[in-house]
Amino acid sequence: MWKERIIYLFVALLVVAIAMVSYLFFETYLEIKREKQTNETSKESNIPAGTEIPLNKEADSNPLPIVTDPDGLQVPIEYPKVGGAPSSGDSNSQPGSDFMNISQWKKYANKKYDYSFSYPKEYDYSPCDDNSPCKYGQVFEKDGGDAAWLNGATNNQGWPYIIITHYNNENYTLPDKVKFFDWLQQRMGWTKDKGPKDFNFEIATSKGDPKKAMRVSVPQSPQAYARDEIYFEDNGKIFQIQLLDSNKAPAQEFYNVWLKTFRLE
């Protein structure tokens, strides 16, 4: 009887050992595959293997940021093409030294929802393409003003990239007797687990009293840039501001300056 038990125990240990070896073999295979993909990407980009590669908005194989679509779903977005964008190594790829001087910035006004913001004087107000290139960046409206975009033309970085959205549907409309934070948790993805439980940001208004808002930081993932999301409600309408690649110090500096210019009229 005891011999049979020893045999059963031996077989069980053998099965466990085989399973562990198979698991380790599979993990090693995946690691080699990931390293090979990284090396191929680095080779194509002329960047040494092991170097941290910034997400490139021009490459289809790289992750895209996430945006909330009109139906409230979190989906990858496609960047509008910026024609004539200089390469990251071009000495003219950055505006002049007064780029951050907001006293020189131009003003955009959204007439549909009565908000405005300033943007660098070097940026063009129109979508850019090969026929109408923008040297540094662009500001433009989509969907009749339901979305406003600001993005730079510099390659190999995801900032500055700003999207302001409000769509006239139930996802962006706060129902009666429903709390602002409850509605965000139901409709706006990341706010459910990552968002604060109280207002932590303010939006300037032309009337002087700031509008309370919620700001949440979403970490970078294999599918998306890191981003800050800001939500606020105005007359029952919920607005979303997305600031992409926000985990970079220069990006945060730009966004903090830009946010000072954003105003509800």
Foldseek 3Di string as FASTA:
>chain_A
DVVVVVVVVVVVVVVVVVVVVVVVVVVVVVVVVVQVVQCVVCVVVVHHRPDDAFFWLVDPVAAAAWDQDPQLDTDGDRDQDAAPQDELPDPQNDDDPCQLVQVQWDKDAQPVQFKIFTHGPQEDADRHDNVRHRHFWYWYAPPNRQKIWTATRYTRHDPQIKIKGWDPDDLFFADPPDDPLNSCLVRNPPCVPFWDPDFDDWAAEPVGDTFTKTKTWDPDDRRHFTWIWIWGDDPRGIMIMIGGNCVDPVSVVSVVSRRVRIYRD
